[in-house]
Amino acid sequence: MTIFSTKRLRVRRFTGNDADNYFALQGDPDVMQYIRPPRTRLESDTFLREKILAASPRDFKGYWAVEEIASGRFVGCFVIIPIPNDETQTQMGYSFLPAFWGKGYATEVTKEGVNYFYNRTPLTEIYGITEIPNVASQRVLLKAGFKLSGSKWEGEKELLVFMIRK
């Protein structure tokens, strides 16, 4: 089921056939560099099955697959999820396979994700959170209309917090 589309990308629900795709992201240290430690295959499969596939299809939040419309190739993941350790706030994020970096996909999907936020969610605000060295993602958030709203600490890492408010 398609959540939303851009000119080049389709954001859709993950299916049971996406285990290899999901692990390709979750197990890649380069992809996970600014997100979390890479997952093992078992951890990835378990998270996909128990968290992503078990989620209600009626929920406006989720972990979704991103694929190229023209080729049908899996390119990454887009999320609208609660912020860890603060379930009252929601964040938007993405990850892409390295072969698809530098194509403008992050900006494209984030801009349309902002439209989704405005038009299809009851949220009044949404966040984007990056590690300080992740300048590329900070640029994406700014291009999509987010504004820097501060910083916070997660363990020993200082994170920049961006926000859009309706």
C-alpha atoms as a PDB file:
ATOM      1  CA  MET A   1       0.000   0.000   0.000  1.00  0.00           C
ATOM      2  CA  THR A   2       1.379   3.395  -0.999  1.00  0.00           C
ATOM      3  CA  ILE A   3       1.638   6.019   1.749  1.00  0.00           C
ATOM      4  CA  PHE A   4       2.706   8.829  -0.616  1.00  0.00           C
ATOM      5  CA  SER A   5       4.705   9.363  -3.796  1.00  0.00           C
ATOM      6  CA  THR A   6       7.017  11.948  -5.313  1.00  0.00           C
ATOM      7  CA  LYS A   7       8.028  12.275  -8.967  1.00  0.00           C
ATOM      8  CA  ARG A   8      10.661   9.570  -8.581  1.00  0.00           C
ATOM      9  CA  LEU A   9       9.844   7.720  -5.358  1.00  0.00           C
ATOM     10  CA  ARG A  10       7.071   5.683  -3.800  1.00  0.00           C
ATOM     11  CA  VAL A  11       6.795   5.389  -0.025  1.00  0.00           C
ATOM     12  CA  ARG A  12       4.927   2.199   0.825  1.00  0.00           C
ATOM     13  CA  ARG A  13       4.331  -0.217   3.649  1.00  0.00           C
ATOM     14  CA  PHE A  14       6.967  -2.854   4.199  1.00  0.00           C
ATOM     15  CA  THR A  15       5.905  -6.442   3.471  1.00  0.00           C
ATOM     16  CA  GLY A  16       7.239  -9.806   4.557  1.00  0.00           C
ATOM     17  CA  ASN A  17       9.164  -9.900   1.263  1.00  0.00           C
ATOM     18  CA  ASP A  18      11.296  -6.927   2.381  1.00  0.00           C
ATOM     19  CA  ALA A  19      13.447  -8.761   4.940  1.00  0.00           C
ATOM     20  CA  ASP A  20      16.559  -8.657   2.729  1.00  0.00           C
ATOM     21  CA  ASN A  21      15.944  -4.999   1.849  1.00  0.00           C
ATOM     22  CA  TYR A  22      15.428  -3.981   5.459  1.00  0.00           C
ATOM     23  CA  PHE A  23      18.544  -5.815   6.602  1.00  0.00           C
ATOM     24  CA  ALA A  24      20.584  -4.211   3.802  1.00  0.00           C
ATOM     25  CA  LEU A  25      19.879  -0.885   5.551  1.00  0.00           C
ATOM     26  CA  GLN A  26      19.903  -1.965   9.174  1.00  0.00           C
ATOM     27  CA  GLY A  27      23.070  -4.029   8.890  1.00  0.00           C
ATOM     28  CA  ASP A  28      25.144  -1.459   6.993  1.00  0.00           C
ATOM     29  CA  PRO A  29      27.534   0.490   9.264  1.00  0.00           C
ATOM     30  CA  ASP A  30      27.725   3.407   6.790  1.00  0.00           C
ATOM     31  CA  VAL A  31      23.928   3.757   6.671  1.00  0.00           C
ATOM     32  CA  MET A  32      23.611   3.468  10.451  1.00  0.00           C
ATOM     33  CA  GLN A  33      26.546   5.779  11.229  1.00  0.00           C
ATOM     34  CA  TYR A  34      24.348   8.577  12.598  1.00  0.00           C
ATOM     35  CA  ILE A  35      21.324   6.488  13.572  1.00  0.00           C
ATOM     36  CA  ARG A  36      22.259   3.555  15.809  1.00  0.00           C
ATOM     37  CA  PRO A  37      24.622   0.587  15.842  1.00  0.00           C
ATOM     38  CA  PRO A  38      23.969  -1.790  12.916  1.00  0.00           C
ATOM     39  CA  ARG A  39      21.596  -4.662  13.625  1.00  0.00           C
ATOM     40  CA  THR A  40      22.328  -8.331  13.125  1.00  0.00           C
ATOM     41  CA  ARG A  41      20.191 -10.238  10.651  1.00  0.00           C
ATOM     42  CA  LEU A  42      18.204 -11.764  13.515  1.00  0.00           C
ATOM     43  CA  GLU A  43      17.653  -8.356  15.141  1.00  0.00           C
ATOM     44  CA  SER A  44      16.607  -6.848  11.810  1.00  0.00           C
ATOM     45  CA  ASP A  45      14.184  -9.675  10.982  1.00  0.00           C
ATOM     46  CA  THR A  46      12.701  -9.583  14.479  1.00  0.00           C
ATOM     47  CA  PHE A  47      12.194  -5.796  14.391  1.00  0.00           C
ATOM     48  CA  LEU A  48      10.615  -6.007  10.925  1.00  0.00           C
ATOM     49  CA  ARG A  49       8.234  -8.758  12.001  1.00  0.00           C
ATOM     50  CA  GLU A  50       7.340  -7.585  15.520  1.00  0.00           C
ATOM     51  CA  LYS A  51       7.395  -3.797  15.149  1.00  0.00           C
ATOM     52  CA  ILE A  52       6.918  -2.845  11.499  1.00  0.00           C
ATOM     53  CA  LEU A  53       4.701  -5.576  10.032  1.00  0.00           C
ATOM     54  CA  ALA A  54       2.619  -5.835  13.219  1.00  0.00           C
ATOM     55  CA  ALA A  55       1.747  -2.103  13.155  1.00  0.00           C
ATOM     56  CA  SER A  56      -1.785  -1.078  12.292  1.00  0.00           C
ATOM     57  CA  PRO A  57      -2.172  -0.066   8.637  1.00  0.00           C
ATOM     58  CA  ARG A  58      -4.522   2.679   9.841  1.00  0.00           C
ATOM     59  CA  ASP A  59      -1.827   4.418  11.888  1.00  0.00           C
ATOM     60  CA  PHE A  60      -0.514   7.652  10.353  1.00  0.00           C
ATOM     61  CA  LYS A  61       2.918   6.852  11.835  1.00  0.00           C
ATOM     62  CA  GLY A  62       5.226   4.106  10.726  1.00  0.00           C
ATOM     63  CA  TYR A  63       8.364   2.681   9.176  1.00  0.00           C
ATOM     64  CA  TRP A  64       7.933   2.590   5.400  1.00  0.00           C
ATOM     65  CA  ALA A  65       9.893   1.324   2.428  1.00  0.00           C
ATOM     66  CA  VAL A  66      11.053   3.761  -0.273  1.00  0.00           C
ATOM     67  CA  GLU A  67      11.418   2.553  -3.850  1.00  0.00           C
ATOM     68  CA  GLU A  68      12.120   4.115  -7.205  1.00  0.00           C
ATOM     69  CA  ILE A  69       8.942   4.369  -9.245  1.00  0.00           C
ATOM     70  CA  ALA A  70      10.673   3.853 -12.601  1.00  0.00           C
ATOM     71  CA  SER A  71      12.705   0.755 -11.648  1.00  0.00           C
ATOM     72  CA  GLY A  72      10.828  -0.591  -8.623  1.00  0.00           C
ATOM     73  CA  ARG A  73      14.175  -0.892  -6.807  1.00  0.00           C
ATOM     74  CA  PHE A  74      14.236  -0.598  -3.030  1.00  0.00           C
ATOM     75  CA  VAL A  75      16.275   2.475  -2.079  1.00  0.00           C
ATOM     76  CA  GLY A  76      15.634   2.981   1.618  1.00  0.00           C
ATOM     77  CA  CYS A  77      13.298   3.704   4.488  1.00  0.00           C
ATOM     78  CA  PHE A  78      11.230   6.711   5.578  1.00  0.00           C
ATOM     79  CA  VAL A  79       9.793   7.005   9.084  1.00  0.00           C
ATOM     80  CA  ILE A  80       7.376   9.024  11.145  1.00  0.00           C
ATOM     81  CA  ILE A  81       7.847   7.600  14.629  1.00  0.00           C
ATOM     82  CA  PRO A  82       7.823   8.606  18.298  1.00  0.00           C
ATOM     83  CA  ILE A  83      11.099  10.059  19.556  1.00  0.00           C
ATOM     84  CA  PRO A  84      12.838   7.444  21.716  1.00  0.00           C
ATOM     85  CA  ASN A  85      12.532   8.195  25.436  1.00  0.00           C
ATOM     86  CA  ASP A  86       9.833  10.812  24.698  1.00  0.00           C
ATOM     87  CA  GLU A  87       6.733   9.160  23.264  1.00  0.00           C
ATOM     88  CA  THR A  88       4.870  12.499  23.352  1.00  0.00           C
ATOM     89  CA  GLN A  89       6.904  13.863  20.426  1.00  0.00           C
ATOM     90  CA  THR A  90       7.165  12.556  16.872  1.00  0.00           C
ATOM     91  CA  GLN A  91      10.078  12.654  14.464  1.00  0.00           C
ATOM     92  CA  MET A  92      10.537  12.244  10.741  1.00  0.00           C
ATOM     93  CA  GLY A  93      13.586  10.484   9.333  1.00  0.00           C
ATOM     94  CA  TYR A  94      15.036   8.458   6.503  1.00  0.00           C
ATOM     95  CA  SER A  95      17.863   6.142   5.530  1.00  0.00           C
ATOM     96  CA  PHE A  96      19.015   5.144   2.050  1.00  0.00           C
ATOM     97  CA  LEU A  97      21.294   2.497   0.650  1.00  0.00           C
ATOM     98  CA  PRO A  98      24.673   4.038  -0.268  1.00  0.00           C
ATOM     99  CA  ALA A  99      24.136   3.355  -3.993  1.00  0.00           C
ATOM    100  CA  PHE A 100      21.322   5.942  -3.874  1.00  0.00           C
ATOM    101  CA  TRP A 101      23.117   8.707  -1.961  1.00  0.00           C
ATOM    102  CA  GLY A 102      23.700  11.987  -3.776  1.00  0.00           C
ATOM    103  CA  LYS A 103      20.602  11.757  -5.992  1.00  0.00           C
ATOM    104  CA  GLY A 104      18.469  14.232  -4.031  1.00  0.00           C
ATOM    105  CA  TYR A 105      16.194  11.452  -2.780  1.00  0.00           C
ATOM    106  CA  ALA A 106      16.454  12.482   0.891  1.00  0.00           C
ATOM    107  CA  THR A 107      15.303  16.031   0.150  1.00  0.00           C
ATOM    108  CA  GLU A 108      12.580  14.817  -2.221  1.00  0.00           C
ATOM    109  CA  VAL A 109      11.080  12.339   0.215  1.00  0.00           C
ATOM    110  CA  THR A 110      11.425  14.672   3.214  1.00  0.00           C
ATOM    111  CA  LYS A 111       9.647  17.539   1.430  1.00  0.00           C
ATOM    112  CA  GLU A 112       6.766  15.224   0.550  1.00  0.00           C
ATOM    113  CA  GLY A 113       6.885  13.853   4.097  1.00  0.00           C
ATOM    114  CA  VAL A 114       6.299  17.406   5.313  1.00  0.00           C
ATOM    115  CA  ASN A 115       3.235  17.623   3.044  1.00  0.00           C
ATOM    116  CA  TYR A 116       2.064  14.314   4.534  1.00  0.00           C
ATOM    117  CA  PHE A 117       2.566  15.762   8.033  1.00  0.00           C
ATOM    118  CA  TYR A 118       0.539  18.886   7.200  1.00  0.00           C
ATOM    119  CA  ASN A 119      -2.299  17.183   5.363  1.00  0.00           C
ATOM    120  CA  ARG A 120      -2.651  13.659   6.736  1.00  0.00           C
ATOM    121  CA  THR A 121      -1.685  13.685  10.407  1.00  0.00           C
ATOM    122  CA  PRO A 122      -3.264  15.200  13.520  1.00  0.00           C
ATOM    123  CA  LEU A 123       0.177  16.316  14.725  1.00  0.00           C
ATOM    124  CA  THR A 124       0.774  20.014  15.407  1.00  0.00           C
ATOM    125  CA  GLU A 125       4.559  19.697  15.274  1.00  0.00           C
ATOM    126  CA  ILE A 126       7.152  17.244  14.012  1.00  0.00           C
ATOM    127  CA  TYR A 127      10.867  16.968  14.644  1.00  0.00           C
ATOM    128  CA  GLY A 128      13.997  16.042  12.752  1.00  0.00           C
ATOM    129  CA  ILE A 129      16.990  15.069  14.872  1.00  0.00           C
ATOM    130  CA  THR A 130      20.591  14.781  13.689  1.00  0.00           C
ATOM    131  CA  GLU A 131      24.002  14.246  15.159  1.00  0.00           C
ATOM    132  CA  ILE A 132      26.121  17.395  14.868  1.00  0.00           C
ATOM    133  CA  PRO A 133      28.532  15.917  12.267  1.00  0.00           C
ATOM    134  CA  ASN A 134      25.613  14.898   9.998  1.00  0.00           C
ATOM    135  CA  VAL A 135      25.602  18.150   8.018  1.00  0.00           C
ATOM    136  CA  ALA A 136      24.009  16.529   4.943  1.00  0.00           C
ATOM    137  CA  SER A 137      20.850  15.628   6.883  1.00  0.00           C
ATOM    138  CA  GLN A 138      20.753  19.059   8.491  1.00  0.00           C
ATOM    139  CA  ARG A 139      20.719  20.598   4.990  1.00  0.00           C
ATOM    140  CA  VAL A 140      17.905  18.255   3.950  1.00  0.00           C
ATOM    141  CA  LEU A 141      15.799  19.280   6.947  1.00  0.00           C
ATOM    142  CA  LEU A 142      16.356  22.985   6.279  1.00  0.00           C
ATOM    143  CA  LYS A 143      15.461  22.583   2.568  1.00  0.00           C
ATOM    144  CA  ALA A 144      12.254  20.815   3.618  1.00  0.00           C
ATOM    145  CA  GLY A 145      11.211  23.718   5.861  1.00  0.00           C
ATOM    146  CA  PHE A 146      12.418  22.599   9.286  1.00  0.00           C
ATOM    147  CA  LYS A 147      13.931  25.206  11.600  1.00  0.00           C
ATOM    148  CA  LEU A 148      16.677  24.578  14.127  1.00  0.00           C
ATOM    149  CA  SER A 149      15.010  24.645  17.543  1.00  0.00           C
ATOM    150  CA  GLY A 150      17.827  23.619  19.858  1.00  0.00           C
ATOM    151  CA  SER A 151      19.936  20.693  20.919  1.00  0.00           C
ATOM    152  CA  LYS A 152      19.741  17.822  23.367  1.00  0.00           C
ATOM    153  CA  TRP A 153      21.977  15.119  24.734  1.00  0.00           C
ATOM    154  CA  GLU A 154      21.488  11.421  24.070  1.00  0.00           C
ATOM    155  CA  GLY A 155      24.040   9.638  26.182  1.00  0.00           C
ATOM    156  CA  GLU A 156      27.377  11.220  25.267  1.00  0.00           C
ATOM    157  CA  LYS A 157      26.188  12.597  21.908  1.00  0.00           C
ATOM    158  CA  GLU A 158      24.874  16.095  21.410  1.00  0.00           C
ATOM    159  CA  LEU A 159      22.047  16.141  18.857  1.00  0.00           C
ATOM    160  CA  LEU A 160      20.567  19.052  16.923  1.00  0.00           C
ATOM    161  CA  VAL A 161      16.790  19.283  17.044  1.00  0.00           C
ATOM    162  CA  PHE A 162      14.829  20.719  14.095  1.00  0.00           C
ATOM    163  CA  MET A 163      11.076  21.310  14.071  1.00  0.00           C
ATOM    164  CA  ILE A 164       8.128  22.262  11.908  1.00  0.00           C
ATOM    165  CA  ARG A 165       4.920  23.483  13.507  1.00  0.00           C
ATOM    166  CA  LYS A 166       1.526  23.697  11.800  1.00  0.00           C
END
